[in-house]
N, C-alpha and C. Protein backbone atom coordinates (compact mmCIF):
# COMPACT_ATOMS: atom_id res chain seq x y z
N UNK A 1 20.11 2.68 18.55
CA UNK A 1 18.36 2.83 18.84
C UNK A 1 17.73 3.93 18.06
N UNK A 2 16.55 4.12 17.40
CA UNK A 2 15.93 4.32 16.87
C UNK A 2 14.78 5.20 17.96
N UNK A 3 14.77 6.42 18.19
CA UNK A 3 13.59 6.86 19.11
C UNK A 3 12.44 7.13 18.18
N UNK A 4 12.92 8.00 17.04
CA UNK A 4 11.90 8.42 15.90
C UNK A 4 11.89 7.45 14.65
N UNK A 5 10.74 6.76 14.40
CA UNK A 5 10.61 5.84 12.67
C UNK A 5 9.35 6.33 11.97
N UNK A 6 9.60 5.90 10.93
CA UNK A 6 8.56 5.81 10.06
C UNK A 6 7.82 6.98 9.81
N UNK A 7 8.21 8.13 10.08
CA UNK A 7 7.70 9.64 9.92
C UNK A 7 7.34 9.74 8.15
N UNK A 8 6.36 10.14 7.54
CA UNK A 8 6.39 10.72 6.16
C UNK A 8 5.79 12.06 6.25
N UNK A 9 6.90 12.77 5.31
CA UNK A 9 5.93 14.12 5.21
C UNK A 9 4.74 14.17 4.79
N UNK A 10 3.79 14.92 5.10
CA UNK A 10 2.23 15.67 5.20
C UNK A 10 2.40 16.23 3.72
N UNK A 11 1.38 15.75 2.77
CA UNK A 11 1.21 16.35 1.45
C UNK A 11 1.47 18.10 1.44
N UNK A 12 0.98 18.53 2.28
CA UNK A 12 1.45 20.32 2.35
C UNK A 12 2.87 20.43 2.94
N UNK A 13 3.59 19.16 3.46
CA UNK A 13 5.26 19.59 3.72
C UNK A 13 5.44 20.33 4.85
N UNK A 14 4.14 20.44 5.57
CA UNK A 14 4.49 21.42 7.14
C UNK A 14 4.42 20.64 7.93
N UNK A 15 4.60 19.21 8.21
CA UNK A 15 4.83 18.13 9.10
C UNK A 15 4.97 16.79 9.00
N UNK A 16 4.85 16.47 10.02
CA UNK A 16 5.55 14.72 9.46
C UNK A 16 4.73 13.91 10.31
N UNK A 17 3.52 12.50 9.56
CA UNK A 17 3.00 12.14 10.38
C UNK A 17 3.39 10.47 10.11
N UNK A 18 2.64 9.76 10.64
CA UNK A 18 2.39 8.43 10.37
C UNK A 18 3.29 7.33 10.98
N UNK A 19 4.05 8.08 12.00
CA UNK A 19 5.44 7.39 12.52
C UNK A 19 5.29 7.18 13.66
N UNK A 20 6.19 6.45 14.87
CA UNK A 20 6.37 6.33 16.12
C UNK A 20 7.40 6.66 16.80
N UNK A 21 7.14 6.96 18.19
CA UNK A 21 8.05 7.40 18.68
C UNK A 21 8.33 6.50 19.85
N UNK A 22 9.75 6.52 20.53
CA UNK A 22 9.49 5.19 21.37
C UNK A 22 10.06 6.03 22.78
N UNK A 23 9.57 5.82 23.72
CA UNK A 23 9.69 6.03 25.32
C UNK A 23 10.57 4.84 25.97
N UNK A 24 11.77 5.20 25.90
CA UNK A 24 12.87 4.22 26.29
C UNK A 24 12.74 4.06 27.85
N UNK A 25 12.30 4.80 28.65
CA UNK A 25 12.10 4.31 30.06
C UNK A 25 11.31 3.62 30.07
N UNK A 26 10.06 3.24 29.77
CA UNK A 26 8.88 2.39 29.55
C UNK A 26 9.06 1.06 28.73
N UNK A 27 9.91 1.27 27.06
CA UNK A 27 10.18 0.29 26.34
C UNK A 27 8.57 0.46 25.72
N UNK A 28 8.10 1.45 25.39
CA UNK A 28 6.69 1.52 24.47
C UNK A 28 6.94 2.67 23.48
N UNK A 29 6.11 2.14 22.40
CA UNK A 29 5.92 2.86 21.15
C UNK A 29 4.65 3.36 21.22
N UNK A 30 4.83 4.45 20.81
CA UNK A 30 3.27 5.49 20.62
C UNK A 30 3.24 6.07 18.94
N UNK A 31 2.09 6.19 18.47
CA UNK A 31 2.33 6.84 17.26
C UNK A 31 2.33 8.06 17.59
N UNK A 32 3.12 9.27 16.18
CA UNK A 32 3.27 10.58 16.51
C UNK A 32 3.44 11.52 15.39
N UNK A 33 3.19 12.33 15.55
CA UNK A 33 3.14 13.83 14.32
C UNK A 33 4.32 14.78 14.81
N UNK A 34 4.87 15.19 14.19
CA UNK A 34 5.66 16.50 14.40
C UNK A 34 5.40 17.38 13.48
N UNK A 35 5.71 18.52 13.81
CA UNK A 35 5.74 19.77 12.95
C UNK A 35 6.78 21.27 13.62
N UNK A 36 6.57 22.29 12.82
CA UNK A 36 7.19 23.40 13.54
C UNK A 36 6.28 24.40 13.13
N UNK A 37 6.39 25.41 14.37
CA UNK A 37 5.59 26.50 14.77
C UNK A 37 6.62 27.54 14.79
N UNK A 38 6.89 28.24 14.08
CA UNK A 38 7.95 29.44 14.23
C UNK A 38 9.36 29.02 14.60
N UNK A 39 9.62 29.48 15.69
CA UNK A 39 11.03 28.64 16.32
C UNK A 39 10.35 27.58 17.02
N UNK A 40 9.61 27.13 17.23
CA UNK A 40 9.17 25.82 17.89
C UNK A 40 9.12 24.41 17.06
N UNK A 41 9.24 23.45 17.62
CA UNK A 41 9.35 22.04 17.25
C UNK A 41 8.40 21.91 18.42
N UNK A 42 7.06 20.99 17.39
CA UNK A 42 6.14 20.47 18.52
C UNK A 42 5.77 18.85 17.90
N UNK A 43 5.62 17.98 19.14
CA UNK A 43 5.67 16.76 19.01
C UNK A 43 4.26 16.12 19.72
N UNK A 44 3.56 15.60 18.91
CA UNK A 44 2.63 15.27 19.65
C UNK A 44 2.53 13.39 19.50
N UNK A 45 2.41 12.79 20.48
CA UNK A 45 2.46 11.25 20.73
C UNK A 45 0.85 10.92 21.07
N UNK A 46 0.29 9.69 20.08
CA UNK A 46 -1.24 9.28 20.55
C UNK A 46 -0.83 7.82 21.32
N UNK A 47 -1.99 7.57 22.19
CA UNK A 47 -2.25 6.43 22.68
C UNK A 47 -3.61 6.49 22.84
N UNK A 48 -4.56 5.84 21.75
CA UNK A 48 -5.68 5.68 21.57
C UNK A 48 -6.36 6.60 21.30
N UNK A 49 -7.30 6.98 21.80
CA UNK A 49 -7.95 8.57 21.47
C UNK A 49 -7.22 9.41 22.80
N UNK A 50 -6.05 9.13 23.20
CA UNK A 50 -5.50 10.30 24.19
C UNK A 50 -4.26 10.97 23.52
N UNK A 51 -3.86 12.14 23.88
CA UNK A 51 -2.58 12.30 23.31
C UNK A 51 -1.71 13.60 24.16
N UNK A 52 -0.46 13.75 24.24
CA UNK A 52 0.28 14.64 24.84
C UNK A 52 0.99 15.57 23.71
N UNK A 53 1.32 16.62 23.84
CA UNK A 53 2.14 17.28 22.79
C UNK A 53 3.36 17.76 23.71
N UNK A 54 4.82 17.74 23.11
CA UNK A 54 5.55 18.52 23.73
C UNK A 54 6.21 19.57 22.82
N UNK A 55 6.74 20.28 23.41
CA UNK A 55 7.32 21.74 22.64
C UNK A 55 8.49 21.81 22.75
N UNK A 56 9.63 22.05 21.75
CA UNK A 56 11.18 22.33 22.15
C UNK A 56 11.07 24.10 21.47
N UNK A 57 12.18 24.68 22.31
CA UNK A 57 12.10 25.94 21.63
C UNK A 57 13.42 26.14 20.81
N UNK A 58 13.88 26.63 19.77
CA UNK A 58 15.08 26.76 19.26
C UNK A 58 15.85 27.34 20.20
N UNK A 59 17.33 27.17 20.01
CA UNK A 59 18.19 27.86 20.59
C UNK A 59 18.92 28.92 19.69
N UNK A 60 19.05 29.98 19.80
CA UNK A 60 19.55 31.38 19.23
C UNK A 60 21.01 30.95 19.13
């Protein structure tokens, strides 16, 4: 099962956009964008004009 699919690197290579993320608990897909800020990986999922962002910390 693919959780993330269709992401393409942005022209500046600082993010990946245009993909979809699956919420397996609801069985729904959302448009998403991912990028790195320092030691954090951020993912933003969109539902229409609404969005939510999740942040993961790199483990040393």
